[in-house]
């Protein structure tokens, strides 16, 4: 899959994370996981997608996703049924960084297997 595909996937996932975070609580998608695991996994997937979309800009991606996690959580102040919190934002930010790290590890391994370092 080309980088452009991952870019599209990453930006769509960001939109979905924003929507899931801001919509009224009754419209929020529910998983069978605990809320913190749900948050962490969603943002880990987001970080993984952005890490693959922009593999040479991992630091910028990490900073962007840190800002995004806290900004998206802050958007909950606009929704009366939602309750923003610093711990929730920290869990999202941590998940995003773990996702970027996993993507970088994959890029490194695939680069070594193909005989070149990325």
PDB file of N, CA and C in Angstrom:
ATOM      1  N   UNK A   1       0.845  -1.164   0.000  1.00  0.00           N
ATOM      2  CA  UNK A   1       0.000   0.000   0.000  1.00  0.00           C
ATOM      3  C   UNK A   1       0.897   1.236   0.000  1.00  0.00           C
ATOM      4  N   UNK A   2       0.519   2.225  -0.747  1.00  0.00           N
ATOM      5  CA  UNK A   2       1.328   3.432  -0.861  1.00  0.00           C
ATOM      6  C   UNK A   2       1.054   4.397   0.284  1.00  0.00           C
ATOM      7  N   UNK A   3       1.998   5.293   0.502  1.00  0.00           N
ATOM      8  CA  UNK A   3       1.874   6.286   1.562  1.00  0.00           C
ATOM      9  C   UNK A   3       0.599   7.100   1.411  1.00  0.00           C
ATOM     10  N   UNK A   4       0.218   7.410   0.181  1.00  0.00           N
ATOM     11  CA  UNK A   4      -0.992   8.216  -0.053  1.00  0.00           C
ATOM     12  C   UNK A   4      -2.229   7.534   0.524  1.00  0.00           C
ATOM     13  N   UNK A   5      -2.301   6.215   0.417  1.00  0.00           N
ATOM     14  CA  UNK A   5      -3.433   5.480   0.996  1.00  0.00           C
ATOM     15  C   UNK A   5      -3.462   5.644   2.511  1.00  0.00           C
ATOM     16  N   UNK A   6      -2.298   5.553   3.139  1.00  0.00           N
ATOM     17  CA  UNK A   6      -2.237   5.722   4.585  1.00  0.00           C
ATOM     18  C   UNK A   6      -2.592   7.147   4.991  1.00  0.00           C
ATOM     19  N   UNK A   7      -2.244   8.113   4.165  1.00  0.00           N
ATOM     20  CA  UNK A   7      -2.610   9.499   4.464  1.00  0.00           C
ATOM     21  C   UNK A   7      -4.127   9.658   4.480  1.00  0.00           C
ATOM     22  N   UNK A   8      -4.780   9.099   3.500  1.00  0.00           N
ATOM     23  CA  UNK A   8      -6.245   9.180   3.448  1.00  0.00           C
ATOM     24  C   UNK A   8      -6.848   8.474   4.661  1.00  0.00           C
ATOM     25  N   UNK A   9      -6.360   7.285   4.962  1.00  0.00           N
ATOM     26  CA  UNK A   9      -6.863   6.526   6.107  1.00  0.00           C
ATOM     27  C   UNK A   9      -6.651   7.312   7.399  1.00  0.00           C
ATOM     28  N   UNK A  10      -5.465   7.903   7.560  1.00  0.00           N
ATOM     29  CA  UNK A  10      -5.146   8.641   8.781  1.00  0.00           C
ATOM     30  C   UNK A  10      -6.089   9.818   8.979  1.00  0.00           C
ATOM     31  N   UNK A  11      -6.328  10.595   7.931  1.00  0.00           N
ATOM     32  CA  UNK A  11      -7.187  11.768   8.066  1.00  0.00           C
ATOM     33  C   UNK A  11      -8.650  11.378   8.277  1.00  0.00           C
ATOM     34  N   UNK A  12      -9.076  10.287   7.668  1.00  0.00           N
ATOM     35  CA  UNK A  12     -10.443   9.801   7.909  1.00  0.00           C
ATOM     36  C   UNK A  12     -10.575   9.335   9.364  1.00  0.00           C
ATOM     37  N   UNK A  13      -9.573   8.612   9.861  1.00  0.00           N
ATOM     38  CA  UNK A  13      -9.607   8.173  11.257  1.00  0.00           C
ATOM     39  C   UNK A  13      -9.621   9.360  12.216  1.00  0.00           C
ATOM     40  N   UNK A  14      -8.879  10.411  11.880  1.00  0.00           N
ATOM     41  CA  UNK A  14      -8.899  11.605  12.727  1.00  0.00           C
ATOM     42  C   UNK A  14     -10.310  12.197  12.765  1.00  0.00           C
ATOM     43  N   UNK A  15     -10.960  12.272  11.621  1.00  0.00           N
ATOM     44  CA  UNK A  15     -12.333  12.768  11.579  1.00  0.00           C
ATOM     45  C   UNK A  15     -13.269  11.910  12.407  1.00  0.00           C
ATOM     46  N   UNK A  16     -13.093  10.604  12.332  1.00  0.00           N
ATOM     47  CA  UNK A  16     -13.938   9.695  13.113  1.00  0.00           C
ATOM     48  C   UNK A  16     -13.680   9.852  14.614  1.00  0.00           C
ATOM     49  N   UNK A  17     -12.419  10.046  14.992  1.00  0.00           N
ATOM     50  CA  UNK A  17     -12.105  10.252  16.407  1.00  0.00           C
ATOM     51  C   UNK A  17     -12.715  11.552  16.914  1.00  0.00           C
ATOM     52  N   UNK A  18     -12.666  12.586  16.088  1.00  0.00           N
ATOM     53  CA  UNK A  18     -13.285  13.857  16.473  1.00  0.00           C
ATOM     54  C   UNK A  18     -14.790  13.658  16.647  1.00  0.00           C
ATOM     55  N   UNK A  19     -15.408  13.011  15.683  1.00  0.00           N
ATOM     56  CA  UNK A  19     -16.856  12.795  15.744  1.00  0.00           C
ATOM     57  C   UNK A  19     -17.234  11.971  16.970  1.00  0.00           C
ATOM     58  N   UNK A  20     -16.513  10.901  17.230  1.00  0.00           N
ATOM     59  CA  UNK A  20     -16.839  10.037  18.369  1.00  0.00           C
ATOM     60  C   UNK A  20     -16.638  10.751  19.697  1.00  0.00           C
ATOM     61  N   UNK A  21     -15.730  11.709  19.729  1.00  0.00           N
ATOM     62  CA  UNK A  21     -15.446  12.429  20.961  1.00  0.00           C
ATOM     63  C   UNK A  21     -16.442  13.542  21.220  1.00  0.00           C
ATOM     64  N   UNK A  22     -16.978  14.141  20.183  1.00  0.00           N
ATOM     65  CA  UNK A  22     -17.792  15.352  20.327  1.00  0.00           C
ATOM     66  C   UNK A  22     -19.292  15.083  20.299  1.00  0.00           C
ATOM     67  N   UNK A  23     -19.729  14.030  19.625  1.00  0.00           N
ATOM     68  CA  UNK A  23     -21.174  13.793  19.521  1.00  0.00           C
ATOM     69  C   UNK A  23     -21.779  13.566  20.906  1.00  0.00           C
ATOM     70  N   UNK A  24     -23.074  13.798  21.054  1.00  0.00           N
ATOM     71  CA  UNK A  24     -23.714  13.510  22.344  1.00  0.00           C
ATOM     72  C   UNK A  24     -23.478  12.066  22.765  1.00  0.00           C
ATOM     73  N   UNK A  25     -23.419  11.851  24.059  1.00  0.00           N
ATOM     74  CA  UNK A  25     -23.040  10.553  24.607  1.00  0.00           C
ATOM     75  C   UNK A  25     -23.907   9.412  24.082  1.00  0.00           C
ATOM     76  N   UNK A  26     -25.169   9.681  23.795  1.00  0.00           N
ATOM     77  CA  UNK A  26     -26.056   8.641  23.282  1.00  0.00           C
ATOM     78  C   UNK A  26     -25.731   8.204  21.859  1.00  0.00           C
ATOM     79  N   UNK A  27     -25.069   9.050  21.101  1.00  0.00           N
ATOM     80  CA  UNK A  27     -24.700   8.729  19.720  1.00  0.00           C
ATOM     81  C   UNK A  27     -23.287   8.181  19.598  1.00  0.00           C
ATOM     82  N   UNK A  28     -22.554   8.189  20.688  1.00  0.00           N
ATOM     83  CA  UNK A  28     -21.173   7.720  20.677  1.00  0.00           C
ATOM     84  C   UNK A  28     -21.140   6.215  20.459  1.00  0.00           C
ATOM     85  N   UNK A  29     -20.233   5.738  19.615  1.00  0.00           N
ATOM     86  CA  UNK A  29     -20.111   4.282  19.441  1.00  0.00           C
ATOM     87  C   UNK A  29     -19.616   3.644  20.744  1.00  0.00           C
ATOM     88  N   UNK A  30     -20.178   2.503  21.086  1.00  0.00           N
ATOM     89  CA  UNK A  30     -19.793   1.823  22.322  1.00  0.00           C
ATOM     90  C   UNK A  30     -19.133   0.504  21.976  1.00  0.00           C
ATOM     91  N   UNK A  31     -18.032   0.250  22.637  1.00  0.00           N
ATOM     92  CA  UNK A  31     -17.319  -1.018  22.477  1.00  0.00           C
ATOM     93  C   UNK A  31     -17.514  -1.820  23.753  1.00  0.00           C
ATOM     94  N   UNK A  32     -17.194  -3.078  23.703  1.00  0.00           N
ATOM     95  CA  UNK A  32     -17.315  -3.914  24.895  1.00  0.00           C
ATOM     96  C   UNK A  32     -16.096  -3.752  25.805  1.00  0.00           C
ATOM     97  N   UNK A  33     -15.184  -2.870  25.403  1.00  0.00           N
ATOM     98  CA  UNK A  33     -13.987  -2.615  26.192  1.00  0.00           C
ATOM     99  C   UNK A  33     -14.256  -1.537  27.239  1.00  0.00           C
ATOM    100  N   UNK A  34     -13.448  -1.493  28.283  1.00  0.00           N
ATOM    101  CA  UNK A  34     -13.538  -0.359  29.203  1.00  0.00           C
ATOM    102  C   UNK A  34     -13.233   0.942  28.459  1.00  0.00           C
ATOM    103  N   UNK A  35     -13.773   2.049  28.946  1.00  0.00           N
ATOM    104  CA  UNK A  35     -13.643   3.330  28.246  1.00  0.00           C
ATOM    105  C   UNK A  35     -12.192   3.718  27.999  1.00  0.00           C
ATOM    106  N   UNK A  36     -11.319   3.515  28.978  1.00  0.00           N
ATOM    107  CA  UNK A  36      -9.916   3.894  28.791  1.00  0.00           C
ATOM    108  C   UNK A  36      -9.223   3.045  27.733  1.00  0.00           C
ATOM    109  N   UNK A  37      -9.540   1.761  27.693  1.00  0.00           N
ATOM    110  CA  UNK A  37      -8.967   0.894  26.662  1.00  0.00           C
ATOM    111  C   UNK A  37      -9.481   1.296  25.285  1.00  0.00           C
ATOM    112  N   UNK A  38     -10.751   1.640  25.224  1.00  0.00           N
ATOM    113  CA  UNK A  38     -11.361   2.092  23.979  1.00  0.00           C
ATOM    114  C   UNK A  38     -10.651   3.352  23.460  1.00  0.00           C
ATOM    115  N   UNK A  39     -10.449   4.317  24.346  1.00  0.00           N
ATOM    116  CA  UNK A  39      -9.758   5.557  23.972  1.00  0.00           C
ATOM    117  C   UNK A  39      -8.340   5.267  23.499  1.00  0.00           C
ATOM    118  N   UNK A  40      -7.627   4.489  24.284  1.00  0.00           N
ATOM    119  CA  UNK A  40      -6.223   4.204  23.967  1.00  0.00           C
ATOM    120  C   UNK A  40      -6.099   3.473  22.631  1.00  0.00           C
ATOM    121  N   UNK A  41      -6.942   2.488  22.400  1.00  0.00           N
ATOM    122  CA  UNK A  41      -6.863   1.728  21.152  1.00  0.00           C
ATOM    123  C   UNK A  41      -7.248   2.573  19.941  1.00  0.00           C
ATOM    124  N   UNK A  42      -8.263   3.419  20.092  1.00  0.00           N
ATOM    125  CA  UNK A  42      -8.667   4.281  18.981  1.00  0.00           C
ATOM    126  C   UNK A  42      -7.529   5.219  18.595  1.00  0.00           C
ATOM    127  N   UNK A  43      -6.886   5.816  19.588  1.00  0.00           N
ATOM    128  CA  UNK A  43      -5.806   6.748  19.279  1.00  0.00           C
ATOM    129  C   UNK A  43      -4.515   6.024  18.907  1.00  0.00           C
ATOM    130  N   UNK A  44      -4.332   4.784  19.348  1.00  0.00           N
ATOM    131  CA  UNK A  44      -3.192   3.998  18.886  1.00  0.00           C
ATOM    132  C   UNK A  44      -3.346   3.686  17.396  1.00  0.00           C
ATOM    133  N   UNK A  45      -4.556   3.351  16.987  1.00  0.00           N
ATOM    134  CA  UNK A  45      -4.809   3.123  15.557  1.00  0.00           C
ATOM    135  C   UNK A  45      -4.585   4.402  14.765  1.00  0.00           C
ATOM    136  N   UNK A  46      -5.030   5.520  15.328  1.00  0.00           N
ATOM    137  CA  UNK A  46      -4.813   6.814  14.680  1.00  0.00           C
ATOM    138  C   UNK A  46      -3.317   7.104  14.563  1.00  0.00           C
ATOM    139  N   UNK A  47      -2.574   6.903  15.632  1.00  0.00           N
ATOM    140  CA  UNK A  47      -1.127   7.126  15.609  1.00  0.00           C
ATOM    141  C   UNK A  47      -0.425   6.200  14.636  1.00  0.00           C
ATOM    142  N   UNK A  48      -0.860   4.944  14.590  1.00  0.00           N
ATOM    143  CA  UNK A  48      -0.270   3.980  13.660  1.00  0.00           C
ATOM    144  C   UNK A  48      -0.500   4.421  12.220  1.00  0.00           C
ATOM    145  N   UNK A  49      -1.712   4.851  11.921  1.00  0.00           N
ATOM    146  CA  UNK A  49      -2.030   5.300  10.562  1.00  0.00           C
ATOM    147  C   UNK A  49      -1.212   6.539  10.195  1.00  0.00           C
ATOM    148  N   UNK A  50      -1.136   7.512  11.099  1.00  0.00           N
ATOM    149  CA  UNK A  50      -0.343   8.709  10.810  1.00  0.00           C
ATOM    150  C   UNK A  50       1.148   8.376  10.734  1.00  0.00           C
ATOM    151  N   UNK A  51       1.593   7.436  11.559  1.00  0.00           N
ATOM    152  CA  UNK A  51       2.999   7.018  11.512  1.00  0.00           C
ATOM    153  C   UNK A  51       3.368   6.382  10.185  1.00  0.00           C
ATOM    154  N   UNK A  52       2.448   5.632   9.600  1.00  0.00           N
ATOM    155  CA  UNK A  52       2.693   5.034   8.286  1.00  0.00           C
ATOM    156  C   UNK A  52       2.489   6.043   7.157  1.00  0.00           C
ATOM    157  N   UNK A  53       1.611   7.005   7.387  1.00  0.00           N
ATOM    158  CA  UNK A  53       1.332   8.017   6.362  1.00  0.00           C
ATOM    159  C   UNK A  53       2.496   8.986   6.205  1.00  0.00           C
ATOM    160  N   UNK A  54       3.163   9.300   7.308  1.00  0.00           N
ATOM    161  CA  UNK A  54       4.265  10.275   7.295  1.00  0.00           C
ATOM    162  C   UNK A  54       5.462   9.685   8.051  1.00  0.00           C
ATOM    163  N   UNK A  55       6.067   8.611   7.521  1.00  0.00           N
ATOM    164  CA  UNK A  55       7.097   7.885   8.274  1.00  0.00           C
ATOM    165  C   UNK A  55       8.375   8.689   8.548  1.00  0.00           C
ATOM    166  N   UNK A  56       8.697   9.631   7.723  1.00  0.00           N
ATOM    167  CA  UNK A  56       9.920  10.417   7.941  1.00  0.00           C
ATOM    168  C   UNK A  56       9.685  11.636   8.819  1.00  0.00           C
ATOM    169  N   UNK A  57       8.443  11.869   9.186  1.00  0.00           N
ATOM    170  CA  UNK A  57       8.088  13.033  10.013  1.00  0.00           C
ATOM    171  C   UNK A  57       7.487  12.589  11.341  1.00  0.00           C
ATOM    172  N   UNK A  58       8.043  11.558  11.927  1.00  0.00           N
ATOM    173  CA  UNK A  58       7.464  10.966  13.121  1.00  0.00           C
ATOM    174  C   UNK A  58       7.395  11.948  14.291  1.00  0.00           C
ATOM    175  N   UNK A  59       8.395  12.803  14.450  1.00  0.00           N
ATOM    176  CA  UNK A  59       8.363  13.748  15.561  1.00  0.00           C
ATOM    177  C   UNK A  59       7.236  14.769  15.378  1.00  0.00           C
ATOM    178  N   UNK A  60       7.099  15.280  14.169  1.00  0.00           N
ATOM    179  CA  UNK A  60       6.018  16.221  13.878  1.00  0.00           C
ATOM    180  C   UNK A  60       4.656  15.540  14.064  1.00  0.00           C
ATOM    181  N   UNK A  61       4.551  14.290  13.643  1.00  0.00           N
ATOM    182  CA  UNK A  61       3.309  13.530  13.810  1.00  0.00           C
ATOM    183  C   UNK A  61       2.995  13.362  15.298  1.00  0.00           C
ATOM    184  N   UNK A  62       4.006  13.036  16.104  1.00  0.00           N
ATOM    185  CA  UNK A  62       3.787  12.896  17.553  1.00  0.00           C
ATOM    186  C   UNK A  62       3.296  14.206  18.159  1.00  0.00           C
ATOM    187  N   UNK A  63       3.934  15.296  17.809  1.00  0.00           N
ATOM    188  CA  UNK A  63       3.521  16.598  18.343  1.00  0.00           C
ATOM    189  C   UNK A  63       2.106  16.954  17.893  1.00  0.00           C
ATOM    190  N   UNK A  64       1.808  16.707  16.624  1.00  0.00           N
ATOM    191  CA  UNK A  64       0.474  16.976  16.099  1.00  0.00           C
ATOM    192  C   UNK A  64      -0.579  16.159  16.839  1.00  0.00           C
ATOM    193  N   UNK A  65      -0.309  14.877  17.048  1.00  0.00           N
ATOM    194  CA  UNK A  65      -1.294  14.014  17.699  1.00  0.00           C
ATOM    195  C   UNK A  65      -1.437  14.326  19.186  1.00  0.00           C
ATOM    196  N   UNK A  66      -0.365  14.778  19.826  1.00  0.00           N
ATOM    197  CA  UNK A  66      -0.482  15.236  21.216  1.00  0.00           C
ATOM    198  C   UNK A  66      -1.415  16.442  21.287  1.00  0.00           C
ATOM    199  N   UNK A  67      -1.184  17.390  20.408  1.00  0.00           N
ATOM    200  CA  UNK A  67      -2.044  18.576  20.358  1.00  0.00           C
ATOM    201  C   UNK A  67      -3.479  18.179  20.004  1.00  0.00           C
ATOM    202  N   UNK A  68      -3.625  17.258  19.057  1.00  0.00           N
ATOM    203  CA  UNK A  68      -4.954  16.810  18.645  1.00  0.00           C
ATOM    204  C   UNK A  68      -5.690  16.135  19.800  1.00  0.00           C
ATOM    205  N   UNK A  69      -5.015  15.290  20.556  1.00  0.00           N
ATOM    206  CA  UNK A  69      -5.666  14.579  21.660  1.00  0.00           C
ATOM    207  C   UNK A  69      -6.232  15.565  22.682  1.00  0.00           C
ATOM    208  N   UNK A  70      -5.445  16.559  23.042  1.00  0.00           N
ATOM    209  CA  UNK A  70      -5.911  17.532  24.034  1.00  0.00           C
ATOM    210  C   UNK A  70      -6.959  18.471  23.442  1.00  0.00           C
ATOM    211  N   UNK A  71      -6.799  18.823  22.182  1.00  0.00           N
ATOM    212  CA  UNK A  71      -7.782  19.707  21.533  1.00  0.00           C
ATOM    213  C   UNK A  71      -9.118  19.011  21.344  1.00  0.00           C
ATOM    214  N   UNK A  72      -9.078  17.776  20.911  1.00  0.00           N
ATOM    215  CA  UNK A  72     -10.309  17.020  20.700  1.00  0.00           C
ATOM    216  C   UNK A  72     -11.039  16.824  22.026  1.00  0.00           C
ATOM    217  N   UNK A  73     -10.287  16.514  23.070  1.00  0.00           N
ATOM    218  CA  UNK A  73     -10.910  16.361  24.388  1.00  0.00           C
ATOM    219  C   UNK A  73     -11.529  17.687  24.830  1.00  0.00           C
ATOM    220  N   UNK A  74     -10.875  18.788  24.537  1.00  0.00           N
ATOM    221  CA  UNK A  74     -11.401  20.117  24.897  1.00  0.00           C
ATOM    222  C   UNK A  74     -12.687  20.442  24.154  1.00  0.00           C
ATOM    223  N   UNK A  75     -12.858  19.889  22.961  1.00  0.00           N
ATOM    224  CA  UNK A  75     -14.088  20.124  22.205  1.00  0.00           C
ATOM    225  C   UNK A  75     -15.325  19.609  22.935  1.00  0.00           C
ATOM    226  N   UNK A  76     -15.122  18.704  23.878  1.00  0.00           N
ATOM    227  CA  UNK A  76     -16.260  18.168  24.632  1.00  0.00           C
ATOM    228  C   UNK A  76     -16.933  19.235  25.490  1.00  0.00           C
ATOM    229  N   UNK A  77     -16.244  20.347  25.739  1.00  0.00           N
ATOM    230  CA  UNK A  77     -16.880  21.444  26.469  1.00  0.00           C
ATOM    231  C   UNK A  77     -18.073  21.993  25.689  1.00  0.00           C
ATOM    232  N   UNK A  78     -18.094  21.782  24.373  1.00  0.00           N
ATOM    233  CA  UNK A  78     -19.188  22.268  23.530  1.00  0.00           C
ATOM    234  C   UNK A  78     -20.413  21.357  23.572  1.00  0.00           C
ATOM    235  N   UNK A  79     -20.241  20.147  24.040  1.00  0.00           N
ATOM    236  CA  UNK A  79     -21.341  19.175  24.092  1.00  0.00           C
ATOM    237  C   UNK A  79     -21.788  19.014  25.549  1.00  0.00           C
ATOM    238  N   UNK A  80     -23.026  19.401  25.864  1.00  0.00           N
ATOM    239  CA  UNK A  80     -23.471  19.362  27.264  1.00  0.00           C
ATOM    240  C   UNK A  80     -23.487  17.963  27.885  1.00  0.00           C
ATOM    241  N   UNK A  81     -23.644  16.924  27.086  1.00  0.00           N
ATOM    242  CA  UNK A  81     -23.716  15.573  27.656  1.00  0.00           C
ATOM    243  C   UNK A  81     -22.337  14.932  27.816  1.00  0.00           C
ATOM    244  N   UNK A  82     -21.298  15.622  27.410  1.00  0.00           N
ATOM    245  CA  UNK A  82     -19.946  15.055  27.486  1.00  0.00           C
ATOM    246  C   UNK A  82     -19.193  15.673  28.654  1.00  0.00           C
ATOM    247  N   UNK A  83     -18.191  14.965  29.140  1.00  0.00           N
ATOM    248  CA  UNK A  83     -17.430  15.414  30.302  1.00  0.00           C
ATOM    249  C   UNK A  83     -15.940  15.311  29.998  1.00  0.00           C
ATOM    250  N   UNK A  84     -15.335  16.399  29.525  1.00  0.00           N
ATOM    251  CA  UNK A  84     -13.908  16.354  29.206  1.00  0.00           C
ATOM    252  C   UNK A  84     -13.066  16.220  30.472  1.00  0.00           C
ATOM    253  N   UNK A  85     -11.930  15.587  30.315  1.00  0.00           N
ATOM    254  CA  UNK A  85     -11.039  15.435  31.461  1.00  0.00           C
ATOM    255  C   UNK A  85      -9.598  15.286  31.028  1.00  0.00           C
ATOM    256  N   UNK A  86      -8.697  15.808  31.836  1.00  0.00           N
ATOM    257  CA  UNK A  86      -7.272  15.704  31.547  1.00  0.00           C
ATOM    258  C   UNK A  86      -6.800  14.249  31.492  1.00  0.00           C
ATOM    259  N   UNK A  87      -7.250  13.373  32.408  1.00  0.00           N
ATOM    260  CA  UNK A  87      -6.816  11.966  32.302  1.00  0.00           C
ATOM    261  C   UNK A  87      -7.236  11.317  30.975  1.00  0.00           C
ATOM    262  N   UNK A  88      -8.420  11.650  30.480  1.00  0.00           N
ATOM    263  CA  UNK A  88      -8.874  11.095  29.195  1.00  0.00           C
ATOM    264  C   UNK A  88      -7.964  11.571  28.064  1.00  0.00           C
ATOM    265  N   UNK A  89      -7.611  12.846  28.086  1.00  0.00           N
ATOM    266  CA  UNK A  89      -6.721  13.389  27.054  1.00  0.00           C
ATOM    267  C   UNK A  89      -5.347  12.736  27.127  1.00  0.00           C
ATOM    268  N   UNK A  90      -4.874  12.482  28.328  1.00  0.00           N
ATOM    269  CA  UNK A  90      -3.556  11.849  28.487  1.00  0.00           C
ATOM    270  C   UNK A  90      -3.567  10.417  27.970  1.00  0.00           C
ATOM    271  N   UNK A  91      -4.665   9.707  28.194  1.00  0.00           N
ATOM    272  CA  UNK A  91      -4.785   8.335  27.680  1.00  0.00           C
ATOM    273  C   UNK A  91      -4.795   8.352  26.153  1.00  0.00           C
ATOM    274  N   UNK A  92      -5.532   9.291  25.566  1.00  0.00           N
ATOM    275  CA  UNK A  92      -5.572   9.416  24.110  1.00  0.00           C
ATOM    276  C   UNK A  92      -4.191   9.751  23.559  1.00  0.00           C
ATOM    277  N   UNK A  93      -3.508  10.690  24.196  1.00  0.00           N
ATOM    278  CA  UNK A  93      -2.179  11.094  23.734  1.00  0.00           C
ATOM    279  C   UNK A  93      -1.191   9.928  23.834  1.00  0.00           C
ATOM    280  N   UNK A  94      -1.254   9.188  24.926  1.00  0.00           N
ATOM    281  CA  UNK A  94      -0.371   8.032  25.094  1.00  0.00           C
ATOM    282  C   UNK A  94      -0.640   6.974  24.031  1.00  0.00           C
ATOM    283  N   UNK A  95      -1.904   6.704  23.776  1.00  0.00           N
ATOM    284  CA  UNK A  95      -2.252   5.745  22.731  1.00  0.00           C
ATOM    285  C   UNK A  95      -1.717   6.179  21.378  1.00  0.00           C
ATOM    286  N   UNK A  96      -1.834   7.464  21.072  1.00  0.00           N
ATOM    287  CA  UNK A  96      -1.346   7.978  19.789  1.00  0.00           C
ATOM    288  C   UNK A  96       0.161   7.790  19.661  1.00  0.00           C
ATOM    289  N   UNK A  97       0.899   8.094  20.722  1.00  0.00           N
ATOM    290  CA  UNK A  97       2.360   7.959  20.682  1.00  0.00           C
ATOM    291  C   UNK A  97       2.753   6.490  20.534  1.00  0.00           C
ATOM    292  N   UNK A  98       2.061   5.608  21.228  1.00  0.00           N
ATOM    293  CA  UNK A  98       2.330   4.170  21.092  1.00  0.00           C
ATOM    294  C   UNK A  98       2.075   3.727  19.651  1.00  0.00           C
ATOM    295  N   UNK A  99       1.010   4.236  19.044  1.00  0.00           N
ATOM    296  CA  UNK A  99       0.714   3.900  17.651  1.00  0.00           C
ATOM    297  C   UNK A  99       1.792   4.382  16.697  1.00  0.00           C
ATOM    298  N   UNK A 100       2.277   5.590  16.892  1.00  0.00           N
ATOM    299  CA  UNK A 100       3.356   6.122  16.042  1.00  0.00           C
ATOM    300  C   UNK A 100       4.620   5.280  16.227  1.00  0.00           C
ATOM    301  N   UNK A 101       4.929   4.921  17.472  1.00  0.00           N
ATOM    302  CA  UNK A 101       6.113   4.096  17.740  1.00  0.00           C
ATOM    303  C   UNK A 101       5.999   2.731  17.061  1.00  0.00           C
ATOM    304  N   UNK A 102       4.823   2.147  17.104  1.00  0.00           N
ATOM    305  CA  UNK A 102       4.614   0.853  16.439  1.00  0.00           C
ATOM    306  C   UNK A 102       4.785   0.982  14.925  1.00  0.00           C
ATOM    307  N   UNK A 103       4.291   2.077  14.368  1.00  0.00           N
ATOM    308  CA  UNK A 103       4.445   2.299  12.924  1.00  0.00           C
ATOM    309  C   UNK A 103       5.916   2.477  12.572  1.00  0.00           C
ATOM    310  N   UNK A 104       6.645   3.212  13.389  1.00  0.00           N
ATOM    311  CA  UNK A 104       8.068   3.412  13.124  1.00  0.00           C
ATOM    312  C   UNK A 104       8.836   2.099  13.228  1.00  0.00           C
ATOM    313  N   UNK A 105       8.466   1.260  14.184  1.00  0.00           N
ATOM    314  CA  UNK A 105       9.102  -0.054  14.304  1.00  0.00           C
ATOM    315  C   UNK A 105       8.836  -0.891  13.055  1.00  0.00           C
ATOM    316  N   UNK A 106       7.608  -0.859  12.569  1.00  0.00           N
ATOM    317  CA  UNK A 106       7.271  -1.597  11.352  1.00  0.00           C
ATOM    318  C   UNK A 106       8.046  -1.061  10.149  1.00  0.00           C
ATOM    319  N   UNK A 107       8.113   0.242  10.016  1.00  0.00           N
ATOM    320  CA  UNK A 107       8.867   0.850   8.908  1.00  0.00           C
ATOM    321  C   UNK A 107      10.331   0.439   8.985  1.00  0.00           C
ATOM    322  N   UNK A 108      10.896   0.433  10.191  1.00  0.00           N
ATOM    323  CA  UNK A 108      12.292   0.044  10.366  1.00  0.00           C
ATOM    324  C   UNK A 108      12.510  -1.410   9.973  1.00  0.00           C
ATOM    325  N   UNK A 109      11.643  -2.296  10.453  1.00  0.00           N
ATOM    326  CA  UNK A 109      11.782  -3.724  10.148  1.00  0.00           C
ATOM    327  C   UNK A 109      11.619  -3.972   8.648  1.00  0.00           C
ATOM    328  N   UNK A 110      10.628  -3.367   8.041  1.00  0.00           N
ATOM    329  CA  UNK A 110      10.420  -3.557   6.601  1.00  0.00           C
ATOM    330  C   UNK A 110      11.570  -2.969   5.798  1.00  0.00           C
ATOM    331  N   UNK A 111      12.129  -1.858   6.271  1.00  0.00           N
ATOM    332  CA  UNK A 111      13.286  -1.261   5.608  1.00  0.00           C
ATOM    333  C   UNK A 111      14.498  -2.164   5.679  1.00  0.00           C
ATOM    334  N   UNK A 112      14.704  -2.808   6.812  1.00  0.00           N
ATOM    335  CA  UNK A 112      15.838  -3.735   6.971  1.00  0.00           C
ATOM    336  C   UNK A 112      15.638  -4.984   6.118  1.00  0.00           C
ATOM    337  N   UNK A 113      14.403  -5.451   6.045  1.00  0.00           N
ATOM    338  CA  UNK A 113      14.134  -6.662   5.256  1.00  0.00           C
ATOM    339  C   UNK A 113      14.352  -6.407   3.769  1.00  0.00           C
ATOM    340  N   UNK A 114      14.090  -5.187   3.333  1.00  0.00           N
ATOM    341  CA  UNK A 114      14.285  -4.905   1.913  1.00  0.00           C
ATOM    342  C   UNK A 114      15.706  -4.464   1.590  1.00  0.00           C
ATOM    343  N   UNK A 115      16.562  -4.424   2.626  1.00  0.00           N
ATOM    344  CA  UNK A 115      17.960  -4.108   2.384  1.00  0.00           C
ATOM    345  C   UNK A 115      18.276  -2.624   2.436  1.00  0.00           C
ATOM    346  N   UNK A 116      17.331  -1.821   2.902  1.00  0.00           N
ATOM    347  CA  UNK A 116      17.613  -0.388   3.020  1.00  0.00           C
ATOM    348  C   UNK A 116      17.118   0.087   4.373  1.00  0.00           C
ATOM    349  N   UNK A 117      17.736   1.099   4.881  1.00  0.00           N
ATOM    350  CA  UNK A 117      17.303   1.695   6.143  1.00  0.00           C
ATOM    351  C   UNK A 117      16.440   2.889   5.850  1.00  0.00           C
ATOM    352  N   UNK A 118      15.305   2.995   6.533  1.00  0.00           N
ATOM    353  CA  UNK A 118      14.399   4.142   6.333  1.00  0.00           C
ATOM    354  C   UNK A 118      14.703   5.218   7.324  1.00  0.00           C
TER     355      UNK A 118
END
